[in-house]
Amino acid sequence: MKRVILVISILVSIQALAFQQEPKKEKTETLAKNGTDPVCKMTVKKGTKLVSTHKEKQYGFCSKMCKESFDKHPDKFVKN
């Protein structure tokens, strides 16, 4: 009888965990088309989430480090 109660308790716990809400994910922009990283000039694939917008234009990045460099001084990497 104790085993039955234990099994039921475990199943109820598992079910409770399954119905917990997932944490809200931040909405992130994605790059609409393939491009070139303005910092290191590597190819950036469509769909990357490492994206910044500067003067109404989107730029994609190959790494978080390149994105951070661009975000600090975007005019250094973009020719006007």
PDB file of N, CA and C in Angstrom:
ATOM      1  N   MET A   1       0.821  -1.193   0.000  1.00  0.00           N
ATOM      2  CA  MET A   1       0.000   0.000   0.000  1.00  0.00           C
ATOM      3  C   MET A   1       0.871   1.265   0.000  1.00  0.00           C
ATOM      4  N   LYS A   2       1.972   1.216   0.759  1.00  0.00           N
ATOM      5  CA  LYS A   2       2.868   2.374   0.803  1.00  0.00           C
ATOM      6  C   LYS A   2       3.469   2.642  -0.574  1.00  0.00           C
ATOM      7  N   ARG A   3       3.754   1.582  -1.320  1.00  0.00           N
ATOM      8  CA  ARG A   3       4.322   1.747  -2.661  1.00  0.00           C
ATOM      9  C   ARG A   3       3.318   2.407  -3.603  1.00  0.00           C
ATOM     10  N   VAL A   4       2.070   2.053  -3.488  1.00  0.00           N
ATOM     11  CA  VAL A   4       1.038   2.631  -4.334  1.00  0.00           C
ATOM     12  C   VAL A   4       0.926   4.128  -4.065  1.00  0.00           C
ATOM     13  N   ILE A   5       0.940   4.495  -2.801  1.00  0.00           N
ATOM     14  CA  ILE A   5       0.865   5.915  -2.430  1.00  0.00           C
ATOM     15  C   ILE A   5       2.100   6.656  -2.937  1.00  0.00           C
ATOM     16  N   LEU A   6       3.254   6.029  -2.837  1.00  0.00           N
ATOM     17  CA  LEU A   6       4.488   6.638  -3.323  1.00  0.00           C
ATOM     18  C   LEU A   6       4.429   6.847  -4.832  1.00  0.00           C
ATOM     19  N   VAL A   7       3.971   5.861  -5.576  1.00  0.00           N
ATOM     20  CA  VAL A   7       3.874   5.977  -7.028  1.00  0.00           C
ATOM     21  C   VAL A   7       2.885   7.076  -7.413  1.00  0.00           C
ATOM     22  N   ILE A   8       1.754   7.130  -6.745  1.00  0.00           N
ATOM     23  CA  ILE A   8       0.754   8.167  -7.020  1.00  0.00           C
ATOM     24  C   ILE A   8       1.331   9.542  -6.721  1.00  0.00           C
ATOM     25  N   SER A   9       2.051   9.691  -5.638  1.00  0.00           N
ATOM     26  CA  SER A   9       2.671  10.976  -5.281  1.00  0.00           C
ATOM     27  C   SER A   9       3.667  11.422  -6.342  1.00  0.00           C
ATOM     28  N   ILE A  10       4.451  10.484  -6.825  1.00  0.00           N
ATOM     29  CA  ILE A  10       5.432  10.809  -7.863  1.00  0.00           C
ATOM     30  C   ILE A  10       4.733  11.237  -9.148  1.00  0.00           C
ATOM     31  N   LEU A  11       3.694  10.514  -9.546  1.00  0.00           N
ATOM     32  CA  LEU A  11       2.959  10.863 -10.758  1.00  0.00           C
ATOM     33  C   LEU A  11       2.297  12.234 -10.641  1.00  0.00           C
ATOM     34  N   VAL A  12       1.750  12.549  -9.499  1.00  0.00           N
ATOM     35  CA  VAL A  12       1.132  13.855  -9.290  1.00  0.00           C
ATOM     36  C   VAL A  12       2.193  14.953  -9.366  1.00  0.00           C
ATOM     37  N   SER A  13       3.366  14.713  -8.807  1.00  0.00           N
ATOM     38  CA  SER A  13       4.452  15.693  -8.860  1.00  0.00           C
ATOM     39  C   SER A  13       4.912  15.931 -10.296  1.00  0.00           C
ATOM     40  N   ILE A  14       5.033  14.858 -11.062  1.00  0.00           N
ATOM     41  CA  ILE A  14       5.457  14.980 -12.457  1.00  0.00           C
ATOM     42  C   ILE A  14       4.422  15.762 -13.253  1.00  0.00           C
ATOM     43  N   GLN A  15       3.151  15.470 -13.019  1.00  0.00           N
ATOM     44  CA  GLN A  15       2.088  16.171 -13.732  1.00  0.00           C
ATOM     45  C   GLN A  15       2.090  17.657 -13.365  1.00  0.00           C
ATOM     46  N   ALA A  16       2.312  17.983 -12.112  1.00  0.00           N
ATOM     47  CA  ALA A  16       2.348  19.381 -11.682  1.00  0.00           C
ATOM     48  C   ALA A  16       3.494  20.120 -12.362  1.00  0.00           C
ATOM     49  N   LEU A  17       4.640  19.485 -12.491  1.00  0.00           N
ATOM     50  CA  LEU A  17       5.779  20.098 -13.174  1.00  0.00           C
ATOM     51  C   LEU A  17       5.483  20.326 -14.650  1.00  0.00           C
ATOM     52  N   ALA A  18       4.763  19.403 -15.254  1.00  0.00           N
ATOM     53  CA  ALA A  18       4.456  19.513 -16.682  1.00  0.00           C
ATOM     54  C   ALA A  18       3.548  20.698 -16.977  1.00  0.00           C
ATOM     55  N   PHE A  19       2.725  21.095 -16.037  1.00  0.00           N
ATOM     56  CA  PHE A  19       1.786  22.184 -16.271  1.00  0.00           C
ATOM     57  C   PHE A  19       2.295  23.555 -15.827  1.00  0.00           C
ATOM     58  N   GLN A  20       3.498  23.609 -15.299  1.00  0.00           N
ATOM     59  CA  GLN A  20       4.064  24.906 -14.934  1.00  0.00           C
ATOM     60  C   GLN A  20       4.300  25.722 -16.183  1.00  0.00           C
ATOM     61  N   GLN A  21       4.128  27.031 -16.057  1.00  0.00           N
ATOM     62  CA  GLN A  21       4.338  27.897 -17.207  1.00  0.00           C
ATOM     63  C   GLN A  21       5.817  28.019 -17.509  1.00  0.00           C
ATOM     64  N   GLU A  22       6.123  28.042 -18.803  1.00  0.00           N
ATOM     65  CA  GLU A  22       7.494  28.276 -19.217  1.00  0.00           C
ATOM     66  C   GLU A  22       7.799  29.747 -19.048  1.00  0.00           C
ATOM     67  N   PRO A  23       9.045  30.097 -18.705  1.00  0.00           N
ATOM     68  CA  PRO A  23       9.381  31.521 -18.590  1.00  0.00           C
ATOM     69  C   PRO A  23       9.212  32.212 -19.927  1.00  0.00           C
ATOM     70  N   LYS A  24       8.805  33.473 -19.881  1.00  0.00           N
ATOM     71  CA  LYS A  24       8.618  34.238 -21.103  1.00  0.00           C
ATOM     72  C   LYS A  24       9.968  34.471 -21.757  1.00  0.00           C
ATOM     73  N   LYS A  25      10.005  34.231 -23.047  1.00  0.00           N
ATOM     74  CA  LYS A  25      11.235  34.452 -23.795  1.00  0.00           C
ATOM     75  C   LYS A  25      11.213  35.868 -24.350  1.00  0.00           C
ATOM     76  N   GLU A  26      12.371  36.502 -24.330  1.00  0.00           N
ATOM     77  CA  GLU A  26      12.468  37.844 -24.895  1.00  0.00           C
ATOM     78  C   GLU A  26      12.286  37.779 -26.399  1.00  0.00           C
ATOM     79  N   LYS A  27      11.577  38.744 -26.921  1.00  0.00           N
ATOM     80  CA  LYS A  27      11.419  38.813 -28.364  1.00  0.00           C
ATOM     81  C   LYS A  27      12.717  39.381 -28.927  1.00  0.00           C
ATOM     82  N   THR A  28      13.284  38.648 -29.869  1.00  0.00           N
ATOM     83  CA  THR A  28      14.529  39.106 -30.467  1.00  0.00           C
ATOM     84  C   THR A  28      14.364  39.249 -31.969  1.00  0.00           C
ATOM     85  N   GLU A  29      15.059  40.208 -32.512  1.00  0.00           N
ATOM     86  CA  GLU A  29      15.035  40.393 -33.957  1.00  0.00           C
ATOM     87  C   GLU A  29      15.890  39.314 -34.610  1.00  0.00           C
ATOM     88  N   THR A  30      15.573  39.010 -35.839  1.00  0.00           N
ATOM     89  CA  THR A  30      16.421  38.117 -36.619  1.00  0.00           C
ATOM     90  C   THR A  30      16.759  38.799 -37.939  1.00  0.00           C
ATOM     91  N   LEU A  31      17.889  38.446 -38.476  1.00  0.00           N
ATOM     92  CA  LEU A  31      18.332  39.028 -39.736  1.00  0.00           C
ATOM     93  C   LEU A  31      17.500  38.460 -40.867  1.00  0.00           C
ATOM     94  N   ALA A  32      16.980  39.326 -41.721  1.00  0.00           N
ATOM     95  CA  ALA A  32      16.069  38.921 -42.783  1.00  0.00           C
ATOM     96  C   ALA A  32      16.771  38.225 -43.941  1.00  0.00           C
ATOM     97  N   LYS A  33      18.026  38.529 -44.191  1.00  0.00           N
ATOM     98  CA  LYS A  33      18.729  37.903 -45.318  1.00  0.00           C
ATOM     99  C   LYS A  33      20.194  37.709 -44.959  1.00  0.00           C
ATOM    100  N   ASN A  34      20.882  36.888 -45.738  1.00  0.00           N
ATOM    101  CA  ASN A  34      22.308  36.679 -45.507  1.00  0.00           C
ATOM    102  C   ASN A  34      23.036  38.008 -45.666  1.00  0.00           C
ATOM    103  N   GLY A  35      24.115  38.173 -44.933  1.00  0.00           N
ATOM    104  CA  GLY A  35      24.858  39.422 -45.015  1.00  0.00           C
ATOM    105  C   GLY A  35      26.276  39.248 -44.520  1.00  0.00           C
ATOM    106  N   THR A  36      26.934  40.372 -44.323  1.00  0.00           N
ATOM    107  CA  THR A  36      28.315  40.381 -43.855  1.00  0.00           C
ATOM    108  C   THR A  36      28.383  41.123 -42.526  1.00  0.00           C
ATOM    109  N   ASP A  37      29.090  40.551 -41.590  1.00  0.00           N
ATOM    110  CA  ASP A  37      29.310  41.182 -40.291  1.00  0.00           C
ATOM    111  C   ASP A  37      30.106  42.463 -40.530  1.00  0.00           C
ATOM    112  N   PRO A  38      29.578  43.634 -40.133  1.00  0.00           N
ATOM    113  CA  PRO A  38      30.284  44.886 -40.396  1.00  0.00           C
ATOM    114  C   PRO A  38      31.570  45.042 -39.586  1.00  0.00           C
ATOM    115  N   VAL A  39      31.743  44.242 -38.550  1.00  0.00           N
ATOM    116  CA  VAL A  39      32.937  44.359 -37.699  1.00  0.00           C
ATOM    117  C   VAL A  39      34.083  43.515 -38.244  1.00  0.00           C
ATOM    118  N   CYS A  40      33.840  42.219 -38.475  1.00  0.00           N
ATOM    119  CA  CYS A  40      34.926  41.319 -38.883  1.00  0.00           C
ATOM    120  C   CYS A  40      34.815  40.863 -40.335  1.00  0.00           C
ATOM    121  N   LYS A  41      33.732  41.240 -41.002  1.00  0.00           N
ATOM    122  CA  LYS A  41      33.513  40.936 -42.431  1.00  0.00           C
ATOM    123  C   LYS A  41      33.227  39.466 -42.725  1.00  0.00           C
ATOM    124  N   MET A  42      32.898  38.668 -41.699  1.00  0.00           N
ATOM    125  CA  MET A  42      32.520  37.268 -41.938  1.00  0.00           C
ATOM    126  C   MET A  42      31.079  37.214 -42.448  1.00  0.00           C
ATOM    127  N   THR A  43      30.736  36.127 -43.135  1.00  0.00           N
ATOM    128  CA  THR A  43      29.370  35.934 -43.614  1.00  0.00           C
ATOM    129  C   THR A  43      28.462  35.600 -42.443  1.00  0.00           C
ATOM    130  N   VAL A  44      27.302  36.237 -42.424  1.00  0.00           N
ATOM    131  CA  VAL A  44      26.311  36.013 -41.375  1.00  0.00           C
ATOM    132  C   VAL A  44      25.087  35.396 -42.034  1.00  0.00           C
ATOM    133  N   LYS A  45      24.622  34.275 -41.496  1.00  0.00           N
ATOM    134  CA  LYS A  45      23.497  33.566 -42.095  1.00  0.00           C
ATOM    135  C   LYS A  45      22.162  34.179 -41.692  1.00  0.00           C
ATOM    136  N   LYS A  46      21.216  34.065 -42.589  1.00  0.00           N
ATOM    137  CA  LYS A  46      19.847  34.496 -42.343  1.00  0.00           C
ATOM    138  C   LYS A  46      19.333  33.793 -41.085  1.00  0.00           C
ATOM    139  N   GLY A  47      18.631  34.522 -40.258  1.00  0.00           N
ATOM    140  CA  GLY A  47      18.040  33.941 -39.065  1.00  0.00           C
ATOM    141  C   GLY A  47      18.855  34.133 -37.802  1.00  0.00           C
ATOM    142  N   THR A  48      20.036  34.740 -37.901  1.00  0.00           N
ATOM    143  CA  THR A  48      20.817  34.973 -36.686  1.00  0.00           C
ATOM    144  C   THR A  48      20.049  35.899 -35.750  1.00  0.00           C
ATOM    145  N   LYS A  49      20.210  35.681 -34.466  1.00  0.00           N
ATOM    146  CA  LYS A  49      19.556  36.540 -33.485  1.00  0.00           C
ATOM    147  C   LYS A  49      20.500  37.633 -32.984  1.00  0.00           C
ATOM    148  N   LEU A  50      21.722  37.617 -33.493  1.00  0.00           N
ATOM    149  CA  LEU A  50      22.686  38.653 -33.141  1.00  0.00           C
ATOM    150  C   LEU A  50      22.517  39.794 -34.135  1.00  0.00           C
ATOM    151  N   VAL A  51      21.563  40.680 -33.859  1.00  0.00           N
ATOM    152  CA  VAL A  51      21.179  41.734 -34.790  1.00  0.00           C
ATOM    153  C   VAL A  51      21.105  43.064 -34.062  1.00  0.00           C
ATOM    154  N   SER A  52      21.571  44.115 -34.725  1.00  0.00           N
ATOM    155  CA  SER A  52      21.422  45.487 -34.231  1.00  0.00           C
ATOM    156  C   SER A  52      20.848  46.334 -35.357  1.00  0.00           C
ATOM    157  N   THR A  53      20.138  47.367 -34.984  1.00  0.00           N
ATOM    158  CA  THR A  53      19.594  48.301 -35.966  1.00  0.00           C
ATOM    159  C   THR A  53      20.274  49.643 -35.759  1.00  0.00           C
ATOM    160  N   HIS A  54      20.772  50.213 -36.853  1.00  0.00           N
ATOM    161  CA  HIS A  54      21.431  51.520 -36.800  1.00  0.00           C
ATOM    162  C   HIS A  54      20.947  52.324 -37.996  1.00  0.00           C
ATOM    163  N   LYS A  55      20.404  53.497 -37.734  1.00  0.00           N
ATOM    164  CA  LYS A  55      19.859  54.368 -38.782  1.00  0.00           C
ATOM    165  C   LYS A  55      18.900  53.598 -39.687  1.00  0.00           C
ATOM    166  N   GLU A  56      17.979  52.889 -39.043  1.00  0.00           N
ATOM    167  CA  GLU A  56      16.906  52.142 -39.701  1.00  0.00           C
ATOM    168  C   GLU A  56      17.372  51.002 -40.603  1.00  0.00           C
ATOM    169  N   LYS A  57      18.604  50.538 -40.421  1.00  0.00           N
ATOM    170  CA  LYS A  57      19.111  49.411 -41.191  1.00  0.00           C
ATOM    171  C   LYS A  57      19.569  48.328 -40.223  1.00  0.00           C
ATOM    172  N   GLN A  58      19.257  47.070 -40.571  1.00  0.00           N
ATOM    173  CA  GLN A  58      19.641  45.943 -39.725  1.00  0.00           C
ATOM    174  C   GLN A  58      21.025  45.432 -40.095  1.00  0.00           C
ATOM    175  N   TYR A  59      21.774  45.069 -39.070  1.00  0.00           N
ATOM    176  CA  TYR A  59      23.097  44.475 -39.249  1.00  0.00           C
ATOM    177  C   TYR A  59      23.156  43.193 -38.434  1.00  0.00           C
ATOM    178  N   GLY A  60      23.659  42.125 -39.051  1.00  0.00           N
ATOM    179  CA  GLY A  60      23.817  40.852 -38.364  1.00  0.00           C
ATOM    180  C   GLY A  60      25.272  40.622 -37.996  1.00  0.00           C
ATOM    181  N   PHE A  61      25.482  39.787 -36.971  1.00  0.00           N
ATOM    182  CA  PHE A  61      26.829  39.567 -36.453  1.00  0.00           C
ATOM    183  C   PHE A  61      27.107  38.084 -36.271  1.00  0.00           C
ATOM    184  N   CYS A  62      28.386  37.732 -36.426  1.00  0.00           N
ATOM    185  CA  CYS A  62      28.789  36.337 -36.295  1.00  0.00           C
ATOM    186  C   CYS A  62      28.985  35.945 -34.831  1.00  0.00           C
ATOM    187  N   SER A  63      29.213  36.926 -33.964  1.00  0.00           N
ATOM    188  CA  SER A  63      29.450  36.622 -32.551  1.00  0.00           C
ATOM    189  C   SER A  63      28.935  37.757 -31.666  1.00  0.00           C
ATOM    190  N   LYS A  64      28.772  37.416 -30.406  1.00  0.00           N
ATOM    191  CA  LYS A  64      28.313  38.403 -29.427  1.00  0.00           C
ATOM    192  C   LYS A  64      29.352  39.525 -29.280  1.00  0.00           C
ATOM    193  N   MET A  65      30.624  39.170 -29.388  1.00  0.00           N
ATOM    194  CA  MET A  65      31.694  40.153 -29.255  1.00  0.00           C
ATOM    195  C   MET A  65      31.627  41.195 -30.374  1.00  0.00           C
ATOM    196  N   CYS A  66      31.380  40.745 -31.603  1.00  0.00           N
ATOM    197  CA  CYS A  66      31.261  41.686 -32.728  1.00  0.00           C
ATOM    198  C   CYS A  66      30.050  42.593 -32.535  1.00  0.00           C
ATOM    199  N   LYS A  67      28.937  42.034 -32.073  1.00  0.00           N
ATOM    200  CA  LYS A  67      27.728  42.834 -31.849  1.00  0.00           C
ATOM    201  C   LYS A  67      27.977  43.895 -30.788  1.00  0.00           C
ATOM    202  N   GLU A  68      28.639  43.520 -29.702  1.00  0.00           N
ATOM    203  CA  GLU A  68      28.923  44.476 -28.633  1.00  0.00           C
ATOM    204  C   GLU A  68      29.849  45.595 -29.120  1.00  0.00           C
ATOM    205  N   SER A  69      30.845  45.254 -29.928  1.00  0.00           N
ATOM    206  CA  SER A  69      31.745  46.273 -30.484  1.00  0.00           C
ATOM    207  C   SER A  69      30.967  47.249 -31.362  1.00  0.00           C
ATOM    208  N   PHE A  70      30.090  46.720 -32.202  1.00  0.00           N
ATOM    209  CA  PHE A  70      29.270  47.558 -33.079  1.00  0.00           C
ATOM    210  C   PHE A  70      28.342  48.455 -32.266  1.00  0.00           C
ATOM    211  N   ASP A  71      27.701  47.894 -31.256  1.00  0.00           N
ATOM    212  CA  ASP A  71      26.743  48.657 -30.447  1.00  0.00           C
ATOM    213  C   ASP A  71      27.407  49.832 -29.727  1.00  0.00           C
ATOM    214  N   LYS A  72      28.680  49.677 -29.363  1.00  0.00           N
ATOM    215  CA  LYS A  72      29.391  50.765 -28.678  1.00  0.00           C
ATOM    216  C   LYS A  72      29.727  51.913 -29.629  1.00  0.00           C
ATOM    217  N   HIS A  73      30.155  51.585 -30.853  1.00  0.00           N
ATOM    218  CA  HIS A  73      30.593  52.604 -31.823  1.00  0.00           C
ATOM    219  C   HIS A  73      30.135  52.234 -33.234  1.00  0.00           C
ATOM    220  N   PRO A  74      28.825  52.305 -33.522  1.00  0.00           N
ATOM    221  CA  PRO A  74      28.354  51.858 -34.839  1.00  0.00           C
ATOM    222  C   PRO A  74      28.899  52.658 -36.003  1.00  0.00           C
ATOM    223  N   ASP A  75      29.111  53.944 -35.825  1.00  0.00           N
ATOM    224  CA  ASP A  75      29.614  54.770 -36.928  1.00  0.00           C
ATOM    225  C   ASP A  75      31.031  54.391 -37.362  1.00  0.00           C
ATOM    226  N   LYS A  76      31.764  53.745 -36.476  1.00  0.00           N
ATOM    227  CA  LYS A  76      33.116  53.291 -36.801  1.00  0.00           C
ATOM    228  C   LYS A  76      33.073  52.164 -37.855  1.00  0.00           C
ATOM    229  N   PHE A  77      31.970  51.403 -37.887  1.00  0.00           N
ATOM    230  CA  PHE A  77      31.876  50.231 -38.761  1.00  0.00           C
ATOM    231  C   PHE A  77      30.972  50.436 -39.965  1.00  0.00           C
ATOM    232  N   VAL A  78      30.204  51.521 -39.987  1.00  0.00           N
ATOM    233  CA  VAL A  78      29.256  51.763 -41.077  1.00  0.00           C
ATOM    234  C   VAL A  78      29.678  53.009 -41.839  1.00  0.00           C
ATOM    235  N   LYS A  79      29.839  52.838 -43.140  1.00  0.00           N
ATOM    236  CA  LYS A  79      30.186  53.999 -43.971  1.00  0.00           C
ATOM    237  C   LYS A  79      28.910  54.729 -44.336  1.00  0.00           C
ATOM    238  N   ASN A  80      28.898  56.029 -44.187  1.00  0.00           N
ATOM    239  CA  ASN A  80      27.701  56.820 -44.496  1.00  0.00           C
ATOM    240  C   ASN A  80      27.659  57.261 -45.921  1.00  0.00           C
TER     241      ASN A  80
END
